Structures are given as structure tokens and as C-alpha cells.
Amino acid sequence: MNSTTTTARPGIYARGTETVDTILRAALDLLIDEGATAFTIRRIAARCDMKVGNVSYHFPRKEMLVQVMLDELIDSYSRLLDQTVRIPPSPRRSNCGC
């Protein structure tokens, strides 16, 4: 996969979306708290109190989970940049003293 390829996010229905969100939060928390060596589907499932099969249903491969995590992280940073950097200043916020 090249850097411009994104992986489709699983969980198109409301309940599936909530489950996917839970899995993604647990995976990110696990990665932050315990590092890459602890980043397994089994540990992620335990972290979000699910069975391994439930996590595997939404993310059949760990690589898919990592790709979706990265896609969402990049999207969130992009939105943050849009809000704080890329939006041109309004005339009232001008520092020119005009």
C-alpha cells in the first residue's frame, strides 16, 4: 500500500460503528500504554472486553486495524490544521493595525 491509499472503515451501521470506535480506542490506548510488542488482537480484545472473534470480525488482519487507526489519526490532524492554520484570518483578527 502506498501512502495515499486508505482502508475502508468497517462498521457502517450504528452499532457496528460504536463497536469499531471501541476497538480503535482500545487499540490506541494499548499502543500508547504498553507499546508495539503488546499490540495483539488478543490484548486489544481484552482491553475492550470483547472476544477475539468480535474484534477479528471487524478487523480480520491486524494490518487493517493499524491502517484504519493511522487514517483516522491523519484525518483528525488534518481537521485540526484546517481549524487552526489553514483557515485565513477574518478581517477583524487582522494584526495590521489598519
N, C-alpha and C. Protein backbone atom coordinates (compact mmCIF):
# COMPACT_ATOMS: atom_id res chain seq x y z
N MET A 1 0.82 -1.19 0.00
CA MET A 1 0.00 0.00 0.00
C MET A 1 0.87 1.25 0.00
N ASN A 2 0.48 2.22 -0.83
CA ASN A 2 1.22 3.47 -0.79
C ASN A 2 0.56 4.40 0.21
N SER A 3 1.16 5.57 0.41
CA SER A 3 0.68 6.47 1.46
C SER A 3 -0.65 7.13 1.12
N THR A 4 -1.07 7.10 -0.13
CA THR A 4 -2.34 7.74 -0.49
C THR A 4 -3.51 6.77 -0.43
N THR A 5 -3.25 5.50 -0.16
CA THR A 5 -4.30 4.51 -0.09
C THR A 5 -4.88 4.49 1.32
N THR A 6 -6.20 4.52 1.39
CA THR A 6 -6.84 4.41 2.69
C THR A 6 -7.64 3.13 2.74
N THR A 7 -7.82 2.61 3.93
CA THR A 7 -8.58 1.40 4.13
C THR A 7 -9.99 1.78 4.53
N ALA A 8 -10.97 1.12 3.94
CA ALA A 8 -12.37 1.41 4.29
C ALA A 8 -12.59 1.09 5.75
N ARG A 9 -13.26 1.99 6.43
CA ARG A 9 -13.54 1.80 7.85
C ARG A 9 -14.71 0.86 8.00
N PRO A 10 -14.56 -0.21 8.78
CA PRO A 10 -15.68 -1.13 8.99
C PRO A 10 -16.72 -0.50 9.90
N GLY A 11 -17.86 -1.14 10.00
CA GLY A 11 -18.90 -0.69 10.91
C GLY A 11 -19.79 0.37 10.31
N ILE A 12 -20.49 0.03 9.23
CA ILE A 12 -21.32 1.03 8.57
C ILE A 12 -22.64 1.28 9.28
N TYR A 13 -23.08 0.35 10.13
CA TYR A 13 -24.31 0.55 10.88
C TYR A 13 -23.99 1.14 12.24
N ALA A 14 -24.96 1.77 12.89
CA ALA A 14 -24.73 2.49 14.15
C ALA A 14 -24.05 1.60 15.19
N ARG A 15 -24.57 0.43 15.42
CA ARG A 15 -23.99 -0.44 16.44
C ARG A 15 -22.59 -0.89 16.03
N GLY A 16 -22.41 -1.19 14.75
CA GLY A 16 -21.09 -1.58 14.27
C GLY A 16 -20.10 -0.44 14.39
N THR A 17 -20.56 0.79 14.13
CA THR A 17 -19.69 1.95 14.26
C THR A 17 -19.25 2.14 15.70
N GLU A 18 -20.16 1.96 16.65
CA GLU A 18 -19.81 2.06 18.06
C GLU A 18 -18.78 1.00 18.44
N THR A 19 -18.97 -0.22 17.94
CA THR A 19 -18.03 -1.30 18.23
C THR A 19 -16.66 -0.99 17.65
N VAL A 20 -16.63 -0.53 16.41
CA VAL A 20 -15.37 -0.18 15.77
C VAL A 20 -14.68 0.96 16.54
N ASP A 21 -15.45 1.96 16.96
CA ASP A 21 -14.89 3.05 17.76
C ASP A 21 -14.27 2.52 19.04
N THR A 22 -14.96 1.59 19.71
CA THR A 22 -14.45 1.00 20.94
C THR A 22 -13.15 0.25 20.69
N ILE A 23 -13.11 -0.51 19.61
CA ILE A 23 -11.91 -1.27 19.26
C ILE A 23 -10.75 -0.32 18.96
N LEU A 24 -11.02 0.72 18.18
CA LEU A 24 -9.96 1.67 17.81
C LEU A 24 -9.42 2.40 19.05
N ARG A 25 -10.30 2.81 19.95
CA ARG A 25 -9.85 3.48 21.19
C ARG A 25 -9.01 2.54 22.03
N ALA A 26 -9.47 1.29 22.17
CA ALA A 26 -8.72 0.31 22.96
C ALA A 26 -7.37 0.03 22.33
N ALA A 27 -7.33 -0.08 21.01
CA ALA A 27 -6.07 -0.35 20.32
C ALA A 27 -5.08 0.80 20.50
N LEU A 28 -5.56 2.02 20.35
CA LEU A 28 -4.68 3.17 20.52
C LEU A 28 -4.21 3.28 21.96
N ASP A 29 -5.11 3.09 22.92
CA ASP A 29 -4.72 3.13 24.33
C ASP A 29 -3.68 2.06 24.65
N LEU A 30 -3.89 0.86 24.13
CA LEU A 30 -2.94 -0.23 24.35
C LEU A 30 -1.58 0.12 23.76
N LEU A 31 -1.58 0.64 22.55
CA LEU A 31 -0.33 1.01 21.90
C LEU A 31 0.41 2.08 22.70
N ILE A 32 -0.31 3.07 23.19
CA ILE A 32 0.30 4.15 23.97
C ILE A 32 0.79 3.63 25.32
N ASP A 33 -0.06 2.85 26.00
CA ASP A 33 0.26 2.40 27.35
C ASP A 33 1.33 1.31 27.41
N GLU A 34 1.28 0.37 26.45
CA GLU A 34 2.13 -0.82 26.57
C GLU A 34 3.10 -1.03 25.41
N GLY A 35 2.97 -0.24 24.35
CA GLY A 35 3.92 -0.34 23.25
C GLY A 35 3.55 -1.35 22.19
N ALA A 36 4.35 -1.36 21.14
CA ALA A 36 4.08 -2.19 19.96
C ALA A 36 4.15 -3.69 20.25
N THR A 37 4.98 -4.10 21.18
CA THR A 37 5.10 -5.54 21.45
C THR A 37 3.82 -6.11 22.07
N ALA A 38 3.05 -5.28 22.75
CA ALA A 38 1.80 -5.73 23.36
C ALA A 38 0.62 -5.60 22.42
N PHE A 39 0.84 -5.05 21.24
CA PHE A 39 -0.23 -4.75 20.30
C PHE A 39 -0.64 -6.01 19.55
N THR A 40 -1.51 -6.79 20.18
CA THR A 40 -2.04 -8.01 19.56
C THR A 40 -3.56 -7.93 19.58
N ILE A 41 -4.19 -8.67 18.69
CA ILE A 41 -5.65 -8.70 18.64
C ILE A 41 -6.19 -9.22 19.97
N ARG A 42 -5.54 -10.22 20.54
CA ARG A 42 -5.98 -10.78 21.82
C ARG A 42 -5.94 -9.73 22.93
N ARG A 43 -4.87 -8.94 22.99
CA ARG A 43 -4.75 -7.90 24.04
C ARG A 43 -5.74 -6.76 23.78
N ILE A 44 -5.94 -6.43 22.52
CA ILE A 44 -6.91 -5.38 22.18
C ILE A 44 -8.31 -5.84 22.59
N ALA A 45 -8.65 -7.10 22.29
CA ALA A 45 -9.96 -7.64 22.66
C ALA A 45 -10.14 -7.61 24.18
N ALA A 46 -9.13 -7.99 24.91
CA ALA A 46 -9.21 -7.96 26.37
C ALA A 46 -9.38 -6.53 26.87
N ARG A 47 -8.69 -5.59 26.24
CA ARG A 47 -8.75 -4.19 26.66
C ARG A 47 -10.16 -3.62 26.49
N CYS A 48 -10.88 -4.06 25.44
CA CYS A 48 -12.24 -3.53 25.24
C CYS A 48 -13.31 -4.53 25.65
N ASP A 49 -12.90 -5.55 26.42
CA ASP A 49 -13.83 -6.53 26.98
C ASP A 49 -14.67 -7.21 25.91
N MET A 50 -14.00 -7.66 24.86
CA MET A 50 -14.65 -8.38 23.77
C MET A 50 -13.93 -9.71 23.56
N LYS A 51 -14.59 -10.56 22.82
CA LYS A 51 -13.94 -11.79 22.40
C LYS A 51 -13.07 -11.49 21.19
N VAL A 52 -12.02 -12.28 21.03
CA VAL A 52 -11.11 -12.11 19.90
C VAL A 52 -11.88 -12.17 18.58
N GLY A 53 -12.85 -13.07 18.50
CA GLY A 53 -13.65 -13.22 17.27
C GLY A 53 -14.42 -11.96 16.92
N ASN A 54 -14.89 -11.23 17.93
CA ASN A 54 -15.61 -9.98 17.66
C ASN A 54 -14.67 -8.94 17.05
N VAL A 55 -13.49 -8.83 17.59
CA VAL A 55 -12.52 -7.88 17.04
C VAL A 55 -12.11 -8.32 15.64
N SER A 56 -11.86 -9.60 15.48
CA SER A 56 -11.46 -10.13 14.16
C SER A 56 -12.55 -9.99 13.12
N TYR A 57 -13.80 -9.98 13.54
CA TYR A 57 -14.90 -9.79 12.60
C TYR A 57 -14.78 -8.42 11.94
N HIS A 58 -14.49 -7.40 12.73
CA HIS A 58 -14.38 -6.04 12.20
C HIS A 58 -13.02 -5.78 11.56
N PHE A 59 -11.98 -6.41 12.10
CA PHE A 59 -10.62 -6.22 11.60
C PHE A 59 -9.98 -7.60 11.41
N PRO A 60 -10.20 -8.22 10.24
CA PRO A 60 -9.67 -9.56 10.00
C PRO A 60 -8.14 -9.67 10.08
N ARG A 61 -7.46 -8.55 9.83
CA ARG A 61 -5.99 -8.54 9.90
C ARG A 61 -5.56 -7.36 10.77
N LYS A 62 -4.53 -7.57 11.53
CA LYS A 62 -4.01 -6.50 12.39
C LYS A 62 -3.54 -5.33 11.54
N GLU A 63 -3.04 -5.59 10.36
CA GLU A 63 -2.59 -4.53 9.46
C GLU A 63 -3.73 -3.60 9.09
N MET A 64 -4.93 -4.17 8.91
CA MET A 64 -6.11 -3.37 8.59
C MET A 64 -6.44 -2.44 9.76
N LEU A 65 -6.37 -2.96 10.96
CA LEU A 65 -6.63 -2.16 12.15
C LEU A 65 -5.64 -1.00 12.25
N VAL A 66 -4.37 -1.29 12.02
CA VAL A 66 -3.34 -0.25 12.07
C VAL A 66 -3.60 0.80 10.99
N GLN A 67 -3.96 0.37 9.78
CA GLN A 67 -4.20 1.31 8.69
C GLN A 67 -5.38 2.22 9.00
N VAL A 68 -6.47 1.66 9.54
CA VAL A 68 -7.63 2.49 9.89
C VAL A 68 -7.26 3.45 11.01
N MET A 69 -6.50 2.99 11.99
CA MET A 69 -6.04 3.88 13.07
C MET A 69 -5.24 5.05 12.50
N LEU A 70 -4.31 4.75 11.61
CA LEU A 70 -3.49 5.80 11.00
C LEU A 70 -4.33 6.75 10.15
N ASP A 71 -5.25 6.20 9.36
CA ASP A 71 -6.12 7.05 8.54
C ASP A 71 -6.92 8.02 9.41
N GLU A 72 -7.47 7.52 10.50
CA GLU A 72 -8.27 8.38 11.37
C GLU A 72 -7.41 9.40 12.11
N LEU A 73 -6.21 9.01 12.49
CA LEU A 73 -5.30 9.94 13.15
C LEU A 73 -4.90 11.06 12.19
N ILE A 74 -4.58 10.71 10.95
CA ILE A 74 -4.23 11.72 9.95
C ILE A 74 -5.42 12.63 9.67
N ASP A 75 -6.61 12.05 9.56
CA ASP A 75 -7.82 12.87 9.35
C ASP A 75 -8.05 13.84 10.51
N SER A 76 -7.84 13.38 11.73
CA SER A 76 -8.07 14.27 12.88
C SER A 76 -7.05 15.40 12.90
N TYR A 77 -5.79 15.10 12.56
CA TYR A 77 -4.78 16.16 12.49
C TYR A 77 -5.08 17.12 11.34
N SER A 78 -5.57 16.60 10.25
CA SER A 78 -5.91 17.45 9.11
C SER A 78 -7.04 18.42 9.49
N ARG A 79 -8.06 17.90 10.18
CA ARG A 79 -9.16 18.77 10.63
C ARG A 79 -8.64 19.82 11.61
N LEU A 80 -7.75 19.43 12.51
CA LEU A 80 -7.19 20.37 13.46
C LEU A 80 -6.39 21.45 12.74
N LEU A 81 -5.61 21.06 11.74
CA LEU A 81 -4.87 22.04 10.95
C LEU A 81 -5.82 22.98 10.22
N ASP A 82 -6.89 22.44 9.66
CA ASP A 82 -7.88 23.28 8.98
C ASP A 82 -8.46 24.32 9.93
N GLN A 83 -8.73 23.91 11.15
CA GLN A 83 -9.34 24.82 12.12
C GLN A 83 -8.37 25.88 12.63
N THR A 84 -7.10 25.54 12.72
CA THR A 84 -6.17 26.46 13.38
C THR A 84 -5.17 27.14 12.45
N VAL A 85 -4.84 26.53 11.34
CA VAL A 85 -3.77 27.06 10.50
C VAL A 85 -4.24 27.45 9.11
N ARG A 86 -4.98 26.59 8.47
CA ARG A 86 -5.30 26.78 7.06
C ARG A 86 -6.43 27.76 6.81
N ILE A 87 -7.24 28.07 7.81
CA ILE A 87 -8.35 29.00 7.62
C ILE A 87 -7.79 30.42 7.64
N PRO A 88 -8.02 31.18 6.58
CA PRO A 88 -7.48 32.54 6.56
C PRO A 88 -8.09 33.38 7.67
N PRO A 89 -7.33 34.29 8.23
CA PRO A 89 -7.86 35.11 9.32
C PRO A 89 -8.98 36.02 8.82
N SER A 90 -9.93 36.26 9.69
CA SER A 90 -11.01 37.17 9.34
C SER A 90 -10.48 38.60 9.43
N PRO A 91 -11.14 39.54 8.75
CA PRO A 91 -10.66 40.93 8.79
C PRO A 91 -10.57 41.49 10.22
N ARG A 92 -11.44 41.05 11.11
CA ARG A 92 -11.41 41.52 12.49
C ARG A 92 -10.19 41.04 13.24
N ARG A 93 -9.60 39.89 12.82
CA ARG A 93 -8.43 39.36 13.51
C ARG A 93 -7.14 39.85 12.90
N SER A 94 -7.19 40.75 11.98
CA SER A 94 -6.00 41.26 11.31
C SER A 94 -5.12 42.00 12.29
N ASN A 95 -3.84 41.78 12.21
CA ASN A 95 -2.88 42.42 13.10
C ASN A 95 -2.21 43.62 12.45
N CYS A 96 -2.74 44.09 11.33
CA CYS A 96 -2.07 45.16 10.60
C CYS A 96 -2.26 46.52 11.26
N GLY A 97 -3.23 46.66 12.15
CA GLY A 97 -3.48 47.92 12.81
C GLY A 97 -4.16 48.95 11.92
N CYS A 98 -4.76 48.49 10.83
CA CYS A 98 -5.43 49.39 9.87
C CYS A 98 -6.72 49.91 10.41
